[in-house]
Amino acid sequence: LYSNTTGTANVANGNQALYNNLTGNYNVANGYQALYYNNNDYNVANGYQALYFNTGPNNVANGYQALFKNTSGDLNTAIGSNALIYNLTGFRNTAIGVNALRDNSGGGYNVAFGYESLLLHTSGNNNTAIGAQALFGNVTGVSNVALGFMAGRYELGSDSFYVDNQNRFNSAGDKAEALLYGTFSASTTPSLQTLRVNAST
């Protein structure tokens, strides 16, 4: 709280935690340089340089450099080393796992649960990846759902659905060999959606 001016009701534990906080209120920082440049309210940072550059409100970061570059992003939850580390303006994201949603900068409403899930994702919204490296390579796609280890790992587009449990090595393999592969549609006509079952029934 070295530079604190008007901020109130803050808690800082650790060398240089909340060090340059000016006006932020009701924040909790635990760890070396946690919330170091903070200038907003209701944030919780636990870990080395968690929420280091933060100027957004209502974020939770637990882990080494979790939400490290967050500027104006709000209502994000990052648990795990480097989770949402490059997030700048992204909002309402949940990343649980080492490197989960690592490269996200502006995307919102994404859920990544598992090691390196949605790792390369930068700006798309409304994706759900549950499983280690699920939707690993998706960069700007929207509204994808992938369930299982490496499910949809090579998917680059949007509105896709996968249930799988292993590496299929390329996008064609993802689609042809996953237990379930489908496509969503925003239309009110269900027949425009597809579902492929790659198994005996």
C-alpha atoms as a PDB file:
ATOM      1  CA  LEU A   1       0.000   0.000   0.000  1.00  0.00           C
ATOM      2  CA  TYR A   2       2.965   2.280  -0.616  1.00  0.00           C
ATOM      3  CA  SER A   3       1.113   4.714  -2.927  1.00  0.00           C
ATOM      4  CA  ASN A   4      -2.345   4.343  -1.428  1.00  0.00           C
ATOM      5  CA  THR A   5      -4.199   7.676  -1.387  1.00  0.00           C
ATOM      6  CA  THR A   6      -7.956   7.334  -0.954  1.00  0.00           C
ATOM      7  CA  GLY A   7      -8.421   3.559  -1.103  1.00  0.00           C
ATOM      8  CA  THR A   8     -10.110   2.057   1.953  1.00  0.00           C
ATOM      9  CA  ALA A   9     -10.735  -1.331   3.521  1.00  0.00           C
ATOM     10  CA  ASN A  10      -7.909  -3.094   1.676  1.00  0.00           C
ATOM     11  CA  VAL A  11      -5.837  -6.006   2.964  1.00  0.00           C
ATOM     12  CA  ALA A  12      -2.276  -6.592   1.755  1.00  0.00           C
ATOM     13  CA  ASN A  13      -0.027  -9.448   2.847  1.00  0.00           C
ATOM     14  CA  GLY A  14       3.328  -9.837   1.123  1.00  0.00           C
ATOM     15  CA  ASN A  15       6.189  -7.718  -0.154  1.00  0.00           C
ATOM     16  CA  GLN A  16       4.792  -4.914  -2.389  1.00  0.00           C
ATOM     17  CA  ALA A  17       1.269  -6.327  -2.390  1.00  0.00           C
ATOM     18  CA  LEU A  18      -1.158  -3.555  -3.462  1.00  0.00           C
ATOM     19  CA  TYR A  19       1.984  -1.425  -3.685  1.00  0.00           C
ATOM     20  CA  ASN A  20       0.660   1.205  -6.131  1.00  0.00           C
ATOM     21  CA  ASN A  21      -2.996   1.101  -5.195  1.00  0.00           C
ATOM     22  CA  LEU A  22      -4.388   4.639  -5.440  1.00  0.00           C
ATOM     23  CA  THR A  23      -8.150   4.589  -5.133  1.00  0.00           C
ATOM     24  CA  GLY A  24      -9.170   0.920  -5.063  1.00  0.00           C
ATOM     25  CA  ASN A  25     -11.362  -0.261  -2.213  1.00  0.00           C
ATOM     26  CA  TYR A  26     -12.217  -3.587  -0.574  1.00  0.00           C
ATOM     27  CA  ASN A  27      -9.368  -5.533  -2.164  1.00  0.00           C
ATOM     28  CA  VAL A  28      -7.385  -8.450  -0.761  1.00  0.00           C
ATOM     29  CA  ALA A  29      -3.842  -9.160  -1.966  1.00  0.00           C
ATOM     30  CA  ASN A  30      -1.703 -12.029  -0.681  1.00  0.00           C
ATOM     31  CA  GLY A  31       1.723 -12.597  -2.225  1.00  0.00           C
ATOM     32  CA  TYR A  32       4.675 -10.747  -3.685  1.00  0.00           C
ATOM     33  CA  GLN A  33       3.423  -7.846  -5.880  1.00  0.00           C
ATOM     34  CA  ALA A  34      -0.147  -9.155  -5.908  1.00  0.00           C
ATOM     35  CA  LEU A  35      -2.445  -6.372  -7.219  1.00  0.00           C
ATOM     36  CA  TYR A  36       0.703  -4.257  -7.597  1.00  0.00           C
ATOM     37  CA  TYR A  37      -0.818  -1.546  -9.840  1.00  0.00           C
ATOM     38  CA  ASN A  38      -4.426  -1.945  -8.751  1.00  0.00           C
ATOM     39  CA  ASN A  39      -6.930   0.885  -9.235  1.00  0.00           C
ATOM     40  CA  ASN A  40     -10.343  -0.689  -8.745  1.00  0.00           C
ATOM     41  CA  ASP A  41     -12.543  -2.416  -6.220  1.00  0.00           C
ATOM     42  CA  TYR A  42     -13.556  -5.847  -4.895  1.00  0.00           C
ATOM     43  CA  ASN A  43     -10.609  -7.864  -6.209  1.00  0.00           C
ATOM     44  CA  VAL A  44      -8.928 -10.854  -4.588  1.00  0.00           C
ATOM     45  CA  ALA A  45      -5.396 -11.864  -5.589  1.00  0.00           C
ATOM     46  CA  ASN A  46      -3.463 -14.749  -4.077  1.00  0.00           C
ATOM     47  CA  GLY A  47      -0.066 -15.579  -5.508  1.00  0.00           C
ATOM     48  CA  TYR A  48       3.119 -14.108  -6.927  1.00  0.00           C
ATOM     49  CA  GLN A  49       2.140 -11.121  -9.146  1.00  0.00           C
ATOM     50  CA  ALA A  50      -1.493 -12.207  -9.351  1.00  0.00           C
ATOM     51  CA  LEU A  51      -3.596  -9.393 -10.898  1.00  0.00           C
ATOM     52  CA  TYR A  52      -0.368  -7.387 -11.199  1.00  0.00           C
ATOM     53  CA  PHE A  53      -1.595  -4.658 -13.605  1.00  0.00           C
ATOM     54  CA  ASN A  54      -5.235  -4.709 -12.587  1.00  0.00           C
ATOM     55  CA  THR A  55      -7.603  -1.772 -13.104  1.00  0.00           C
ATOM     56  CA  GLY A  56     -10.805  -3.830 -13.377  1.00  0.00           C
ATOM     57  CA  PRO A  57     -13.318  -4.665 -10.620  1.00  0.00           C
ATOM     58  CA  ASN A  58     -14.591  -7.911  -9.125  1.00  0.00           C
ATOM     59  CA  ASN A  59     -11.837 -10.293 -10.216  1.00  0.00           C
ATOM     60  CA  VAL A  60     -10.461 -13.316  -8.397  1.00  0.00           C
ATOM     61  CA  ALA A  61      -6.966 -14.640  -9.155  1.00  0.00           C
ATOM     62  CA  ASN A  62      -5.279 -17.517  -7.378  1.00  0.00           C
ATOM     63  CA  GLY A  63      -1.901 -18.680  -8.652  1.00  0.00           C
ATOM     64  CA  TYR A  64       1.424 -17.515 -10.032  1.00  0.00           C
ATOM     65  CA  GLN A  65       0.724 -14.529 -12.350  1.00  0.00           C
ATOM     66  CA  ALA A  66      -2.945 -15.427 -12.674  1.00  0.00           C
ATOM     67  CA  LEU A  67      -4.727 -12.545 -14.481  1.00  0.00           C
ATOM     68  CA  PHE A  68      -1.306 -10.854 -14.564  1.00  0.00           C
ATOM     69  CA  LYS A  69      -2.074  -8.297 -17.309  1.00  0.00           C
ATOM     70  CA  ASN A  70      -5.730  -7.688 -16.557  1.00  0.00           C
ATOM     71  CA  THR A  71      -6.531  -4.016 -17.136  1.00  0.00           C
ATOM     72  CA  SER A  72     -10.249  -3.282 -17.376  1.00  0.00           C
ATOM     73  CA  GLY A  73     -11.576  -6.839 -17.441  1.00  0.00           C
ATOM     74  CA  ASP A  74     -14.185  -7.537 -14.788  1.00  0.00           C
ATOM     75  CA  LEU A  75     -15.852 -10.480 -13.072  1.00  0.00           C
ATOM     76  CA  ASN A  76     -13.127 -12.941 -14.074  1.00  0.00           C
ATOM     77  CA  THR A  77     -12.024 -15.938 -12.030  1.00  0.00           C
ATOM     78  CA  ALA A  78      -8.581 -17.448 -12.622  1.00  0.00           C
ATOM     79  CA  ILE A  79      -7.265 -20.342 -10.554  1.00  0.00           C
ATOM     80  CA  GLY A  80      -3.906 -21.840 -11.498  1.00  0.00           C
ATOM     81  CA  SER A  81      -0.491 -20.622 -12.588  1.00  0.00           C
ATOM     82  CA  ASN A  82      -0.742 -18.390 -15.679  1.00  0.00           C
ATOM     83  CA  ALA A  83      -4.504 -18.784 -15.891  1.00  0.00           C
ATOM     84  CA  LEU A  84      -5.833 -15.821 -17.916  1.00  0.00           C
ATOM     85  CA  ILE A  85      -2.338 -14.336 -17.683  1.00  0.00           C
ATOM     86  CA  TYR A  86      -2.733 -12.170 -20.816  1.00  0.00           C
ATOM     87  CA  ASN A  87      -6.305 -11.079 -20.209  1.00  0.00           C
ATOM     88  CA  LEU A  88      -6.709  -7.341 -20.786  1.00  0.00           C
ATOM     89  CA  THR A  89     -10.373  -6.488 -21.279  1.00  0.00           C
ATOM     90  CA  GLY A  90     -11.957  -9.929 -21.201  1.00  0.00           C
ATOM     91  CA  PHE A  91     -14.937 -10.244 -18.917  1.00  0.00           C
ATOM     92  CA  ARG A  92     -16.890 -12.877 -17.013  1.00  0.00           C
ATOM     93  CA  ASN A  93     -14.417 -15.649 -17.817  1.00  0.00           C
ATOM     94  CA  THR A  94     -13.694 -18.626 -15.598  1.00  0.00           C
ATOM     95  CA  ALA A  95     -10.333 -20.361 -15.983  1.00  0.00           C
ATOM     96  CA  ILE A  96      -9.345 -23.199 -13.676  1.00  0.00           C
ATOM     97  CA  GLY A  97      -6.082 -25.017 -14.340  1.00  0.00           C
ATOM     98  CA  VAL A  98      -2.484 -24.214 -15.221  1.00  0.00           C
ATOM     99  CA  ASN A  99      -2.443 -22.120 -18.434  1.00  0.00           C
ATOM    100  CA  ALA A 100      -6.227 -22.268 -18.762  1.00  0.00           C
ATOM    101  CA  LEU A 101      -7.381 -19.494 -21.143  1.00  0.00           C
ATOM    102  CA  ARG A 102      -3.777 -18.320 -21.085  1.00  0.00           C
ATOM    103  CA  ASP A 103      -3.862 -16.130 -24.210  1.00  0.00           C
ATOM    104  CA  ASN A 104      -7.346 -14.688 -23.792  1.00  0.00           C
ATOM    105  CA  SER A 105      -7.198 -10.906 -24.064  1.00  0.00           C
ATOM    106  CA  GLY A 106     -10.706  -9.699 -24.850  1.00  0.00           C
ATOM    107  CA  GLY A 107     -13.068 -12.663 -24.935  1.00  0.00           C
ATOM    108  CA  GLY A 108     -15.971 -12.964 -22.544  1.00  0.00           C
ATOM    109  CA  TYR A 109     -18.187 -15.610 -20.978  1.00  0.00           C
ATOM    110  CA  ASN A 110     -15.663 -18.391 -21.592  1.00  0.00           C
ATOM    111  CA  VAL A 111     -15.231 -21.358 -19.278  1.00  0.00           C
ATOM    112  CA  ALA A 112     -11.970 -23.343 -19.302  1.00  0.00           C
ATOM    113  CA  PHE A 113     -11.557 -26.144 -16.785  1.00  0.00           C
ATOM    114  CA  GLY A 114      -8.388 -28.210 -17.062  1.00  0.00           C
ATOM    115  CA  TYR A 115      -4.698 -27.935 -17.883  1.00  0.00           C
ATOM    116  CA  GLU A 116      -4.169 -25.785 -21.018  1.00  0.00           C
ATOM    117  CA  SER A 117      -7.867 -25.779 -21.876  1.00  0.00           C
ATOM    118  CA  LEU A 118      -8.595 -23.010 -24.416  1.00  0.00           C
ATOM    119  CA  LEU A 119      -4.872 -22.216 -24.205  1.00  0.00           C
ATOM    120  CA  LEU A 120      -4.521 -20.206 -27.450  1.00  0.00           C
ATOM    121  CA  HIS A 121      -7.899 -18.529 -27.323  1.00  0.00           C
ATOM    122  CA  THR A 122      -7.733 -14.728 -27.642  1.00  0.00           C
ATOM    123  CA  SER A 123     -11.034 -12.983 -28.318  1.00  0.00           C
ATOM    124  CA  GLY A 124     -14.064 -15.205 -28.927  1.00  0.00           C
ATOM    125  CA  ASN A 125     -16.993 -15.498 -26.537  1.00  0.00           C
ATOM    126  CA  ASN A 126     -19.206 -18.160 -24.985  1.00  0.00           C
ATOM    127  CA  ASN A 127     -16.905 -21.175 -25.244  1.00  0.00           C
ATOM    128  CA  THR A 128     -16.911 -24.049 -22.777  1.00  0.00           C
ATOM    129  CA  ALA A 129     -13.922 -26.392 -22.531  1.00  0.00           C
ATOM    130  CA  ILE A 130     -13.788 -29.034 -19.823  1.00  0.00           C
ATOM    131  CA  GLY A 131     -10.784 -31.328 -19.871  1.00  0.00           C
ATOM    132  CA  ALA A 132      -7.019 -31.014 -20.257  1.00  0.00           C
ATOM    133  CA  GLN A 133      -6.216 -29.291 -23.589  1.00  0.00           C
ATOM    134  CA  ALA A 134      -9.877 -29.190 -24.588  1.00  0.00           C
ATOM    135  CA  LEU A 135     -10.289 -26.636 -27.416  1.00  0.00           C
ATOM    136  CA  PHE A 136      -6.524 -26.086 -27.061  1.00  0.00           C
ATOM    137  CA  GLY A 137      -5.986 -24.523 -30.505  1.00  0.00           C
ATOM    138  CA  ASN A 138      -9.140 -22.458 -30.856  1.00  0.00           C
ATOM    139  CA  VAL A 139      -8.180 -18.790 -31.213  1.00  0.00           C
ATOM    140  CA  THR A 140     -11.242 -16.674 -32.052  1.00  0.00           C
ATOM    141  CA  GLY A 141     -14.118 -19.139 -32.255  1.00  0.00           C
ATOM    142  CA  VAL A 142     -17.396 -18.596 -30.432  1.00  0.00           C
ATOM    143  CA  SER A 143     -19.966 -20.823 -28.762  1.00  0.00           C
ATOM    144  CA  ASN A 144     -18.020 -24.085 -28.847  1.00  0.00           C
ATOM    145  CA  VAL A 145     -18.520 -26.850 -26.298  1.00  0.00           C
ATOM    146  CA  ALA A 146     -15.898 -29.561 -25.701  1.00  0.00           C
ATOM    147  CA  LEU A 147     -16.039 -32.190 -22.979  1.00  0.00           C
ATOM    148  CA  GLY A 148     -13.151 -34.523 -22.198  1.00  0.00           C
ATOM    149  CA  PHE A 149      -9.385 -34.859 -22.484  1.00  0.00           C
ATOM    150  CA  MET A 150      -8.227 -33.096 -25.695  1.00  0.00           C
ATOM    151  CA  ALA A 151     -11.833 -32.800 -26.893  1.00  0.00           C
ATOM    152  CA  GLY A 152     -11.948 -30.477 -29.909  1.00  0.00           C
ATOM    153  CA  ARG A 153      -8.221 -29.832 -29.566  1.00  0.00           C
ATOM    154  CA  TYR A 154      -7.866 -28.814 -33.232  1.00  0.00           C
ATOM    155  CA  GLU A 155     -11.171 -26.980 -33.704  1.00  0.00           C
ATOM    156  CA  LEU A 156     -10.590 -23.474 -35.120  1.00  0.00           C
ATOM    157  CA  GLY A 157     -14.175 -22.472 -35.896  1.00  0.00           C
ATOM    158  CA  SER A 158     -17.373 -21.828 -33.987  1.00  0.00           C
ATOM    159  CA  ASP A 159     -20.567 -23.542 -32.836  1.00  0.00           C
ATOM    160  CA  SER A 160     -19.021 -27.009 -32.553  1.00  0.00           C
ATOM    161  CA  PHE A 161     -19.664 -29.733 -29.995  1.00  0.00           C
ATOM    162  CA  TYR A 162     -17.296 -32.536 -28.990  1.00  0.00           C
ATOM    163  CA  VAL A 163     -17.244 -35.364 -26.500  1.00  0.00           C
ATOM    164  CA  ASP A 164     -13.923 -37.209 -26.580  1.00  0.00           C
ATOM    165  CA  ASN A 165     -11.077 -38.511 -24.419  1.00  0.00           C
ATOM    166  CA  GLN A 166      -7.935 -38.592 -26.560  1.00  0.00           C
ATOM    167  CA  ASN A 167      -5.768 -36.863 -29.142  1.00  0.00           C
ATOM    168  CA  ARG A 168      -7.138 -37.219 -32.701  1.00  0.00           C
ATOM    169  CA  PHE A 169      -4.091 -35.392 -34.216  1.00  0.00           C
ATOM    170  CA  ASN A 170      -5.984 -33.019 -36.551  1.00  0.00           C
ATOM    171  CA  SER A 171      -9.338 -31.354 -37.126  1.00  0.00           C
ATOM    172  CA  ALA A 172     -10.593 -34.066 -39.461  1.00  0.00           C
ATOM    173  CA  GLY A 173      -9.767 -36.661 -36.832  1.00  0.00           C
ATOM    174  CA  ASP A 174     -11.578 -34.646 -34.179  1.00  0.00           C
ATOM    175  CA  LYS A 175     -14.748 -34.649 -36.230  1.00  0.00           C
ATOM    176  CA  ALA A 176     -14.615 -38.215 -37.540  1.00  0.00           C
ATOM    177  CA  GLU A 177     -13.351 -40.026 -34.452  1.00  0.00           C
ATOM    178  CA  ALA A 178     -14.687 -38.216 -31.376  1.00  0.00           C
ATOM    179  CA  LEU A 179     -17.430 -40.150 -29.645  1.00  0.00           C
ATOM    180  CA  LEU A 180     -19.794 -37.250 -30.390  1.00  0.00           C
ATOM    181  CA  TYR A 181     -19.374 -34.372 -32.831  1.00  0.00           C
ATOM    182  CA  GLY A 182     -22.034 -31.821 -33.625  1.00  0.00           C
ATOM    183  CA  THR A 183     -22.797 -28.285 -34.694  1.00  0.00           C
ATOM    184  CA  PHE A 184     -25.038 -25.758 -33.017  1.00  0.00           C
ATOM    185  CA  SER A 185     -27.329 -23.262 -34.708  1.00  0.00           C
ATOM    186  CA  ALA A 186     -28.857 -20.064 -33.364  1.00  0.00           C
ATOM    187  CA  SER A 187     -31.925 -20.736 -35.486  1.00  0.00           C
ATOM    188  CA  THR A 188     -35.195 -21.783 -33.857  1.00  0.00           C
ATOM    189  CA  THR A 189     -35.249 -24.707 -36.288  1.00  0.00           C
ATOM    190  CA  PRO A 190     -33.614 -27.670 -34.506  1.00  0.00           C
ATOM    191  CA  SER A 191     -33.094 -29.544 -37.787  1.00  0.00           C
ATOM    192  CA  LEU A 192     -30.360 -27.057 -38.720  1.00  0.00           C
ATOM    193  CA  GLN A 193     -28.232 -28.523 -35.941  1.00  0.00           C
ATOM    194  CA  THR A 194     -26.256 -31.713 -36.449  1.00  0.00           C
ATOM    195  CA  LEU A 195     -25.015 -34.510 -34.236  1.00  0.00           C
ATOM    196  CA  ARG A 196     -22.743 -37.321 -35.342  1.00  0.00           C
ATOM    197  CA  VAL A 197     -22.271 -40.444 -33.251  1.00  0.00           C
ATOM    198  CA  ASN A 198     -18.967 -42.095 -34.103  1.00  0.00           C
ATOM    199  CA  ALA A 199     -19.731 -45.344 -32.311  1.00  0.00           C
ATOM    200  CA  SER A 200     -21.871 -48.441 -32.471  1.00  0.00           C
ATOM    201  CA  THR A 201     -25.325 -47.921 -31.022  1.00  0.00           C
END
